[in-house]
Amino acid sequence: MGGRLQVILDISRLLTVAHRPAPTGIDRVELAYARRWSAETDNRCAFVAEIPLVGFAALPRQVVAELVAALEECWLHGGRSAAPVARRAKLALPFGRSALVGLLRRPGPKAFLLVSHRALERPGRIAALRRQGCWFIPLIHDLIPLQHPEFARAGVAETHRRRIATTAALADGIVVNSAATGAELTPWLAGRSAPPAIAVAPLGVSPPQVDEPPVALRPYFVALGTIEPRKNHLLLLNLWRQFAATLGTAAPRLVVVGRRGWENENVLDMLERCAAIDGLVRETGALPDREVASLLRGARALLFPSFAEGFGLPLAEALALGVPAIASDLAALREVGGSVPDYLDPLDGPAWRTSILDYARADSGARRAQLGRLGGWKPPAWSDHFEEVDRLLEALVRGPAPERLPVPHPPPALSRPSARERAAALDAVGRDDTAG
């Protein structure tokens, strides 16, 4: 098709999460995209957000730049100063409908980037942009609600099924955060005669460089992430109840960092009412990035016993700070950590108990060995991520204009891909099985 590409980036999610004192993983990704494209000086990116019941509208670049700066400040140090900027952006949205219409009427190639899962369950709006000449490129973070519906809230599996159906029907190219996510997604694209290209672009991390906490009275570990069933906090809490019974006050401490999620009755009951772990386990809630980084720097290790992950940002953040990790043996986590962490089965409680008690010792050989491996590990960088995204966009520009595709209807209950299909898909996206 040729010509200078006009990027249209949806930042609807940032407008709805600006009040949060700390971001989720997907919040971080949308902020990274907004930071990258708002820093461009050639105006080749326009920013849009959704107006409920109406559709997309353009946002003023200056307001977007102010929102990016405010969110970075709030999520690094704490506070809620980004919320007023988000309110101003929302007030400006109704005036951006005509600006978006004018942008879409200009000649030249255009690409609509959707890097959160928002709007994927509303394919009509995306199809309307494609009819006006926009390629559609979503970023898929995971298929966990489809692969593991037992860990999702009621109704989320069906919602995610609609999102993946939209992706399969309308995407001209797809960004995924790991080869593992790409492998899980590939079988769902089989209905297209020419499935869209998949760009595997690991997420970047740039945790703040901070000193260790000034005083650490006893060894402690950190569990980082939203408290939800797939994160397997229950394993850790039961282990700490055992430590309380066998070691008493000599037991190591556990710091649980992250907001409370859903369907956690057993976990919350233990956090709130289990007298045995009182004084040994501390729940902090969500914390600003500097406080999280400081806690990690003083920890014996990050504990990451998750049942399922699309990427594993907490693991990347811990390793980037030079902190060892004990993690579940998952394909996505091996892509992130390579040979550095100690990987364990998330169901093997005795192995986790042994490893934690070993790492708690000042003379831990396993911890010392992992610190040695860390010297050869390179943190994933956002610059590398965007090189993969740019490569995908450049390939689209060299090709034909977006073809007319039918808008997907709500899909029937789809069967999950077989193990053989998933293995073939893993080969198709080129996972490096030697990474771990």
Protein backbone atom coordinates (compact mmCIF):
# COMPACT_ATOMS: atom_id res chain seq x y z
CA MET A 1 0.00 0.00 0.00
CA GLY A 2 2.91 2.35 0.81
CA GLY A 3 2.93 5.83 2.34
CA ARG A 4 3.42 7.23 5.83
CA LEU A 5 1.53 5.23 8.43
CA GLN A 6 -0.93 6.99 10.74
CA VAL A 7 -1.25 5.14 14.05
CA ILE A 8 -4.46 5.38 16.05
CA LEU A 9 -3.96 4.20 19.64
CA ASP A 10 -6.84 3.47 22.01
CA ILE A 11 -6.13 4.57 25.61
CA SER A 12 -9.62 4.07 27.02
CA ARG A 13 -8.27 1.95 29.86
CA LEU A 14 -6.00 4.71 31.16
CA LEU A 15 -8.98 7.04 31.52
CA THR A 16 -10.74 4.51 33.74
CA VAL A 17 -7.80 3.51 35.98
CA ALA A 18 -6.25 6.92 36.69
CA HIS A 19 -7.64 6.85 40.23
CA ARG A 20 -5.71 3.70 41.15
CA PRO A 21 -2.71 4.10 43.45
CA ALA A 22 -0.88 1.33 41.59
CA PRO A 23 -1.28 -0.22 38.12
CA THR A 24 -2.07 -3.74 36.99
CA GLY A 25 0.09 -5.38 34.35
CA ILE A 26 -2.25 -4.37 31.50
CA ASP A 27 -2.36 -0.80 32.87
CA ARG A 28 1.44 -0.71 32.60
CA VAL A 29 1.35 -1.89 29.01
CA GLU A 30 -1.17 0.72 27.85
CA LEU A 31 0.84 3.41 29.65
CA ALA A 32 4.05 2.24 27.93
CA TYR A 33 2.36 2.53 24.52
CA ALA A 34 0.95 5.96 25.36
CA ARG A 35 4.40 7.08 26.60
CA ARG A 36 6.11 5.84 23.44
CA TRP A 37 3.66 7.36 20.97
CA SER A 38 3.10 10.64 22.85
CA ALA A 39 6.87 11.21 22.77
CA GLU A 40 6.86 11.11 18.95
CA THR A 41 7.25 14.61 17.52
CA ASP A 42 5.90 13.96 14.03
CA ASN A 43 2.23 13.55 15.06
CA ARG A 44 2.00 10.19 13.34
CA CYS A 45 -0.04 8.85 16.26
CA ALA A 46 -3.54 9.97 17.18
CA PHE A 47 -5.06 8.95 20.51
CA VAL A 48 -8.65 7.82 20.93
CA ALA A 49 -10.92 6.53 23.67
CA GLU A 50 -14.43 5.13 23.76
CA ILE A 51 -17.52 7.13 24.63
CA PRO A 52 -20.07 4.73 26.15
CA LEU A 53 -22.93 3.92 23.74
CA VAL A 54 -21.36 6.14 21.07
CA GLY A 55 -17.95 4.91 19.91
CA PHE A 56 -14.40 6.19 19.57
CA ALA A 57 -13.37 9.83 19.65
CA ALA A 58 -10.00 11.57 19.37
CA LEU A 59 -8.17 13.09 22.34
CA PRO A 60 -5.95 16.20 22.33
CA ARG A 61 -2.27 15.20 22.28
CA GLN A 62 -1.41 17.69 25.02
CA VAL A 63 -3.97 16.17 27.39
CA VAL A 64 -2.60 12.70 26.64
CA ALA A 65 0.95 13.86 27.39
CA GLU A 66 -0.21 15.37 30.68
CA LEU A 67 -2.05 12.15 31.57
CA VAL A 68 1.04 10.03 30.85
CA ALA A 69 3.20 12.27 33.06
CA ALA A 70 0.64 12.29 35.88
CA LEU A 71 0.19 8.51 35.82
CA GLU A 72 3.92 7.89 35.85
CA GLU A 73 4.32 10.16 38.86
CA CYS A 74 1.37 8.66 40.76
CA TRP A 75 2.26 5.05 40.10
CA LEU A 76 5.90 5.62 41.00
CA HIS A 77 5.45 7.58 44.22
CA GLY A 78 1.75 7.18 45.11
CA GLY A 79 -1.13 9.65 45.08
CA ARG A 80 -4.12 10.32 42.87
CA SER A 81 -3.14 13.46 40.96
CA ALA A 82 -3.77 11.72 37.63
CA ALA A 83 -7.52 11.50 38.25
CA PRO A 84 -8.25 15.20 37.46
CA VAL A 85 -6.30 14.92 34.19
CA ALA A 86 -8.33 11.84 33.24
CA ARG A 87 -11.54 13.75 33.99
CA ARG A 88 -10.43 16.57 31.67
CA ALA A 89 -9.71 14.01 28.98
CA LYS A 90 -13.19 12.51 29.36
CA LEU A 91 -14.77 15.95 29.10
CA ALA A 92 -12.87 16.56 25.87
CA LEU A 93 -13.98 13.30 24.26
CA PRO A 94 -17.36 14.42 22.84
CA PHE A 95 -15.54 17.17 20.92
CA GLY A 96 -13.20 14.61 19.40
CA ARG A 97 -15.73 12.77 17.26
CA SER A 98 -15.39 15.14 14.32
CA ALA A 99 -11.60 15.17 14.66
CA LEU A 100 -11.54 11.39 14.31
CA VAL A 101 -13.85 11.51 11.30
CA GLY A 102 -11.53 14.02 9.65
CA LEU A 103 -8.49 11.89 10.41
CA LEU A 104 -10.07 8.79 8.90
CA ARG A 105 -10.91 10.68 5.69
CA ARG A 106 -7.30 11.61 5.04
CA PRO A 107 -5.50 9.51 2.43
CA GLY A 108 -2.75 7.14 3.43
CA PRO A 109 -2.34 3.95 5.48
CA LYS A 110 -3.72 3.78 9.02
CA ALA A 111 -3.47 1.26 11.85
CA PHE A 112 -5.68 0.98 14.91
CA LEU A 113 -3.80 -0.37 17.95
CA LEU A 114 -5.76 -1.86 20.85
CA VAL A 115 -3.37 -2.96 23.58
CA SER A 116 -5.80 -3.74 26.37
CA HIS A 117 -8.61 -6.24 25.92
CA ARG A 118 -11.19 -3.46 26.11
CA ALA A 119 -13.52 -3.07 23.11
CA LEU A 120 -12.77 -6.54 21.75
CA GLU A 121 -16.23 -7.66 22.82
CA ARG A 122 -17.68 -4.83 20.69
CA PRO A 123 -16.55 -5.86 17.18
CA GLY A 124 -18.89 -3.48 15.37
CA ARG A 125 -16.81 -0.43 16.36
CA ILE A 126 -13.59 -2.10 15.25
CA ALA A 127 -15.16 -3.23 11.98
CA ALA A 128 -16.29 0.35 11.34
CA LEU A 129 -12.67 1.55 11.61
CA ARG A 130 -11.54 -1.19 9.24
CA ARG A 131 -14.18 -0.16 6.70
CA GLN A 132 -12.58 3.28 6.74
CA GLY A 133 -9.17 1.87 5.87
CA CYS A 134 -7.59 1.02 9.23
CA TRP A 135 -5.66 -2.12 9.81
CA PHE A 136 -6.52 -3.61 13.20
CA ILE A 137 -3.70 -4.76 15.50
CA PRO A 138 -4.65 -5.97 19.01
CA LEU A 139 -2.27 -7.04 21.76
CA ILE A 140 -3.41 -10.28 23.38
CA HIS A 141 -2.08 -10.69 26.91
CA ASP A 142 -3.33 -14.20 27.65
CA LEU A 143 -6.05 -16.77 27.07
CA ILE A 144 -6.29 -17.74 30.72
CA PRO A 145 -10.10 -17.40 31.00
CA LEU A 146 -10.42 -19.86 28.09
CA GLN A 147 -7.64 -22.25 29.08
CA HIS A 148 -8.43 -22.12 32.81
CA PRO A 149 -12.02 -20.93 33.28
CA GLU A 150 -11.94 -22.20 36.86
CA PHE A 151 -9.72 -19.25 37.76
CA ALA A 152 -11.96 -16.59 36.18
CA ARG A 153 -14.94 -14.75 37.55
CA ALA A 154 -18.39 -15.90 36.45
CA GLY A 155 -19.04 -14.81 32.87
CA VAL A 156 -15.45 -13.79 32.10
CA ALA A 157 -14.70 -16.93 30.09
CA GLU A 158 -17.58 -16.16 27.70
CA THR A 159 -16.54 -12.49 27.47
CA HIS A 160 -12.98 -13.53 26.62
CA ARG A 161 -14.32 -15.98 24.04
CA ARG A 162 -15.97 -13.03 22.29
CA ARG A 163 -12.71 -11.06 22.47
CA ILE A 164 -10.76 -13.86 20.85
CA ALA A 165 -13.50 -14.31 18.23
CA THR A 166 -13.16 -10.60 17.36
CA THR A 167 -9.40 -10.98 17.14
CA ALA A 168 -9.67 -14.06 14.94
CA ALA A 169 -12.20 -12.41 12.62
CA LEU A 170 -10.87 -8.85 12.27
CA ALA A 171 -7.17 -8.63 13.17
CA ASP A 172 -4.71 -7.83 10.38
CA GLY A 173 -1.78 -8.53 12.70
CA ILE A 174 -1.52 -9.52 16.35
CA VAL A 175 1.00 -8.69 19.07
CA VAL A 176 1.47 -11.21 21.89
CA ASN A 177 3.62 -10.87 24.99
CA SER A 178 5.14 -14.35 24.83
CA ALA A 179 5.49 -17.32 22.51
CA ALA A 180 3.40 -19.26 25.02
CA THR A 181 0.49 -16.83 24.54
CA GLY A 182 0.98 -17.01 20.77
CA ALA A 183 0.85 -20.80 20.86
CA GLU A 184 -2.42 -20.76 22.80
CA LEU A 185 -3.91 -18.19 20.43
CA THR A 186 -2.90 -19.78 17.10
CA PRO A 187 -5.52 -22.59 17.04
CA TRP A 188 -8.30 -20.04 17.47
CA LEU A 189 -7.21 -18.34 14.22
CA ALA A 190 -7.66 -21.45 12.08
CA GLY A 191 -10.95 -20.24 10.60
CA ARG A 192 -9.20 -17.56 8.51
CA SER A 193 -7.96 -18.58 5.06
CA ALA A 194 -4.91 -16.37 5.68
CA PRO A 195 -4.43 -16.03 9.45
CA PRO A 196 -2.92 -12.74 10.62
CA ALA A 197 0.78 -12.55 11.42
CA ILE A 198 1.69 -12.84 15.09
CA ALA A 199 4.52 -10.71 16.51
CA VAL A 200 6.00 -12.08 19.73
CA ALA A 201 7.07 -8.98 21.66
CA PRO A 202 8.00 -9.56 25.34
CA LEU A 203 6.94 -6.73 27.63
CA GLY A 204 9.59 -4.34 28.89
CA VAL A 205 10.43 -3.64 32.52
CA SER A 206 12.18 -0.65 34.03
CA PRO A 207 11.71 -0.84 37.81
CA PRO A 208 13.05 2.12 39.80
CA GLN A 209 16.53 1.67 41.18
CA VAL A 210 16.22 1.91 44.95
CA ASP A 211 18.19 0.92 48.00
CA GLU A 212 17.28 -2.02 50.17
CA PRO A 213 15.10 -1.23 53.22
CA PRO A 214 17.39 0.26 55.89
CA VAL A 215 16.58 -2.39 58.49
CA ALA A 216 15.64 -6.04 57.96
CA LEU A 217 15.21 -7.70 61.34
CA ARG A 218 14.64 -11.16 59.89
CA PRO A 219 14.53 -12.80 56.43
CA TYR A 220 11.37 -12.22 54.42
CA PHE A 221 9.90 -13.16 51.04
CA VAL A 222 7.56 -11.22 48.74
CA ALA A 223 4.51 -12.45 46.81
CA LEU A 224 3.56 -9.81 44.22
CA GLY A 225 0.34 -9.62 42.21
CA THR A 226 -3.42 -9.35 42.45
CA ILE A 227 -4.82 -11.74 45.04
CA GLU A 228 -6.82 -14.06 42.80
CA PRO A 229 -7.18 -17.87 42.61
CA ARG A 230 -4.65 -18.53 39.84
CA LYS A 231 -1.88 -16.78 41.78
CA ASN A 232 -1.95 -19.65 44.30
CA HIS A 233 -1.59 -17.56 47.45
CA LEU A 234 -3.27 -20.37 49.38
CA LEU A 235 -0.20 -22.57 48.93
CA LEU A 236 2.00 -19.93 50.54
CA LEU A 237 -0.38 -19.21 53.41
CA ASN A 238 -0.66 -22.90 54.27
CA LEU A 239 3.12 -23.19 54.21
CA TRP A 240 3.44 -20.24 56.56
CA ARG A 241 0.94 -21.85 58.91
CA GLN A 242 3.26 -24.88 58.96
CA PHE A 243 6.27 -22.60 59.58
CA ALA A 244 4.43 -21.01 62.52
CA ALA A 245 3.79 -24.44 64.04
CA THR A 246 7.32 -25.78 63.55
CA LEU A 247 9.53 -22.68 63.76
CA GLY A 248 7.51 -20.21 65.79
CA THR A 249 8.96 -16.72 65.85
CA ALA A 250 12.10 -17.98 64.05
CA ALA A 251 10.08 -18.48 60.87
CA PRO A 252 10.79 -16.20 57.89
CA ARG A 253 8.24 -13.52 57.08
CA LEU A 254 6.00 -13.22 54.02
CA VAL A 255 4.90 -9.87 52.54
CA VAL A 256 1.84 -10.13 50.25
CA VAL A 257 1.74 -7.16 47.85
CA GLY A 258 -1.26 -6.55 45.59
CA ARG A 259 -4.87 -5.57 45.60
CA ARG A 260 -7.59 -8.04 46.52
CA GLY A 261 -9.22 -9.66 43.52
CA TRP A 262 -12.09 -12.11 43.25
CA GLU A 263 -13.30 -15.48 44.58
CA ASN A 264 -10.72 -15.54 47.34
CA GLU A 265 -12.79 -16.53 50.34
CA ASN A 266 -10.27 -19.07 51.67
CA VAL A 267 -7.29 -16.78 51.15
CA LEU A 268 -8.99 -13.76 52.71
CA ASP A 269 -10.22 -15.82 55.65
CA MET A 270 -6.63 -16.84 56.38
CA LEU A 271 -5.28 -13.32 55.95
CA GLU A 272 -7.94 -11.86 58.24
CA ARG A 273 -8.58 -14.57 60.81
CA CYS A 274 -5.76 -17.11 60.97
CA ALA A 275 -4.10 -16.39 64.30
CA ALA A 276 -1.22 -18.77 63.54
CA ILE A 277 0.24 -16.56 60.81
CA ASP A 278 -0.44 -13.26 62.56
CA GLY A 279 2.90 -11.46 62.79
CA LEU A 280 4.49 -13.73 60.17
CA VAL A 281 2.43 -12.67 57.12
CA ARG A 282 1.82 -9.04 56.22
CA GLU A 283 -0.67 -7.93 53.55
CA THR A 284 0.15 -4.48 52.16
CA GLY A 285 -2.42 -4.05 49.42
CA ALA A 286 -1.36 -2.28 46.22
CA LEU A 287 1.77 -0.14 46.60
CA PRO A 288 3.52 2.48 44.43
CA ASP A 289 6.40 1.21 42.33
CA ARG A 290 9.15 2.66 44.54
CA GLU A 291 7.80 0.92 47.63
CA VAL A 292 7.43 -2.38 45.77
CA ALA A 293 10.98 -2.12 44.43
CA SER A 294 12.33 -1.37 47.90
CA LEU A 295 10.53 -4.36 49.41
CA LEU A 296 11.80 -6.63 46.66
CA ARG A 297 15.39 -5.42 47.07
CA GLY A 298 15.42 -6.55 50.70
CA ALA A 299 13.70 -9.90 50.10
CA ARG A 300 15.35 -13.29 50.10
CA ALA A 301 13.34 -14.03 46.93
CA LEU A 302 10.16 -13.36 45.02
CA LEU A 303 7.70 -16.24 45.42
CA PHE A 304 5.60 -16.77 42.29
CA PRO A 305 3.62 -20.05 42.57
CA SER A 306 1.05 -19.12 39.90
CA PHE A 307 -1.01 -21.74 38.06
CA ALA A 308 -1.14 -19.77 34.79
CA GLU A 309 0.53 -16.68 33.30
CA GLY A 310 0.59 -14.95 29.95
CA PHE A 311 3.92 -13.26 30.63
CA GLY A 312 4.90 -12.77 34.27
CA LEU A 313 5.78 -9.13 34.91
CA PRO A 314 6.50 -9.63 38.65
CA LEU A 315 9.17 -12.17 37.74
CA ALA A 316 10.79 -9.83 35.22
CA GLU A 317 10.66 -6.93 37.70
CA ALA A 318 12.27 -8.94 40.50
CA LEU A 319 15.08 -10.25 38.32
CA ALA A 320 15.67 -6.75 36.91
CA LEU A 321 16.26 -5.58 40.50
CA GLY A 322 18.76 -8.38 41.09
CA VAL A 323 16.36 -10.32 43.34
CA PRO A 324 16.19 -14.14 43.09
CA ALA A 325 12.90 -15.84 42.35
CA ILE A 326 11.24 -19.16 43.05
CA ALA A 327 8.58 -19.57 40.39
CA SER A 328 6.11 -22.04 38.92
CA ASP A 329 7.41 -24.16 36.08
CA LEU A 330 5.34 -22.51 33.32
CA ALA A 331 6.34 -21.95 29.69
CA ALA A 332 5.67 -18.21 29.87
CA LEU A 333 7.78 -17.82 33.02
CA ARG A 334 10.66 -19.76 31.49
CA GLU A 335 10.57 -17.35 28.54
CA VAL A 336 10.99 -14.47 30.99
CA GLY A 337 13.48 -15.97 33.43
CA GLY A 338 15.42 -18.38 31.25
CA SER A 339 17.69 -20.55 33.40
CA VAL A 340 17.88 -18.08 36.30
CA PRO A 341 14.95 -18.82 38.71
CA ASP A 342 14.36 -22.06 40.53
CA TYR A 343 11.21 -23.51 38.97
CA LEU A 344 8.81 -25.73 40.92
CA ASP A 345 5.48 -27.43 40.29
CA PRO A 346 2.81 -25.09 41.75
CA LEU A 347 1.15 -28.12 43.38
CA ASP A 348 4.31 -29.48 45.02
CA GLY A 349 3.97 -28.04 48.50
CA PRO A 350 6.90 -29.98 50.03
CA ALA A 351 9.27 -28.72 47.29
CA TRP A 352 8.19 -25.12 47.91
CA ARG A 353 8.65 -25.61 51.66
CA THR A 354 12.16 -26.97 51.20
CA SER A 355 13.18 -24.23 48.79
CA ILE A 356 11.79 -21.38 50.91
CA LEU A 357 13.53 -22.61 54.05
CA ASP A 358 16.78 -23.00 52.12
CA TYR A 359 16.59 -19.47 50.69
CA ALA A 360 15.81 -18.09 54.15
CA ARG A 361 19.22 -19.19 55.45
CA ALA A 362 22.05 -16.67 55.31
CA ASP A 363 24.33 -19.34 53.82
CA SER A 364 21.82 -20.62 51.23
CA GLY A 365 23.71 -22.33 48.42
CA ALA A 366 20.69 -22.32 46.09
CA ARG A 367 20.21 -18.57 46.51
CA ARG A 368 23.91 -17.91 45.98
CA ALA A 369 23.85 -20.02 42.81
CA GLN A 370 20.86 -18.11 41.43
CA LEU A 371 22.53 -14.78 42.12
CA GLY A 372 25.42 -16.07 40.05
CA ARG A 373 23.11 -16.96 37.15
CA LEU A 374 21.50 -13.52 37.35
CA GLY A 375 24.69 -11.94 36.05
CA GLY A 376 24.00 -13.32 32.58
CA TRP A 377 20.32 -12.35 32.45
CA LYS A 378 19.17 -9.34 30.43
CA PRO A 379 15.89 -7.60 31.37
CA PRO A 380 13.35 -7.32 28.54
CA ALA A 381 13.32 -3.75 27.23
CA TRP A 382 10.43 -1.72 25.84
CA SER A 383 12.69 -0.64 22.97
CA ASP A 384 12.94 -4.28 21.89
CA HIS A 385 9.18 -4.70 22.25
CA PHE A 386 8.48 -1.73 20.00
CA GLU A 387 10.99 -2.91 17.42
CA GLU A 388 8.80 -6.00 16.97
CA VAL A 389 5.64 -3.88 16.82
CA ASP A 390 7.21 -1.53 14.25
CA ARG A 391 8.31 -4.51 12.16
CA LEU A 392 4.73 -5.79 12.11
CA LEU A 393 3.38 -2.35 11.14
CA GLU A 394 5.96 -1.98 8.37
CA ALA A 395 4.95 -5.35 6.92
CA LEU A 396 1.32 -4.20 6.80
CA VAL A 397 2.27 -0.97 5.01
CA ARG A 398 4.12 -2.96 2.34
CA GLY A 399 1.06 -5.14 1.76
CA PRO A 400 -2.43 -4.52 0.37
CA ALA A 401 -5.09 -2.36 1.99
CA PRO A 402 -7.28 -3.99 4.67
CA GLU A 403 -9.65 -6.51 3.15
CA ARG A 404 -13.36 -6.45 3.93
CA LEU A 405 -14.05 -9.00 6.67
CA PRO A 406 -17.40 -10.01 8.16
CA VAL A 407 -18.23 -8.83 11.66
CA PRO A 408 -18.22 -11.87 13.97
CA HIS A 409 -21.45 -12.95 15.61
CA PRO A 410 -21.34 -14.08 19.23
CA PRO A 411 -19.57 -17.45 18.91
CA PRO A 412 -21.02 -20.72 20.13
CA ALA A 413 -19.29 -22.55 22.92
CA LEU A 414 -15.99 -23.41 21.26
CA SER A 415 -14.02 -26.48 22.19
CA ARG A 416 -10.57 -25.90 23.56
CA PRO A 417 -7.67 -26.80 21.25
CA SER A 418 -6.23 -30.25 21.83
CA ALA A 419 -2.78 -30.80 23.27
CA ARG A 420 -1.55 -31.75 19.78
CA GLU A 421 -2.93 -28.51 18.30
CA ARG A 422 -1.31 -26.46 21.06
CA ALA A 423 2.05 -28.19 20.50
CA ALA A 424 1.85 -27.52 16.76
CA ALA A 425 0.98 -23.89 17.47
CA LEU A 426 4.00 -23.57 19.74
CA ASP A 427 6.20 -24.62 16.83
CA ALA A 428 4.39 -22.18 14.53
CA VAL A 429 5.28 -19.15 16.64
CA GLY A 430 8.84 -20.32 17.06
CA ARG A 431 9.21 -20.78 20.80
CA ASP A 432 12.81 -21.38 21.82
CA ASP A 433 12.61 -24.42 24.03
CA THR A 434 16.23 -23.92 25.09
CA ALA A 435 15.42 -20.69 26.91
CA GLY A 436 15.02 -22.46 30.22
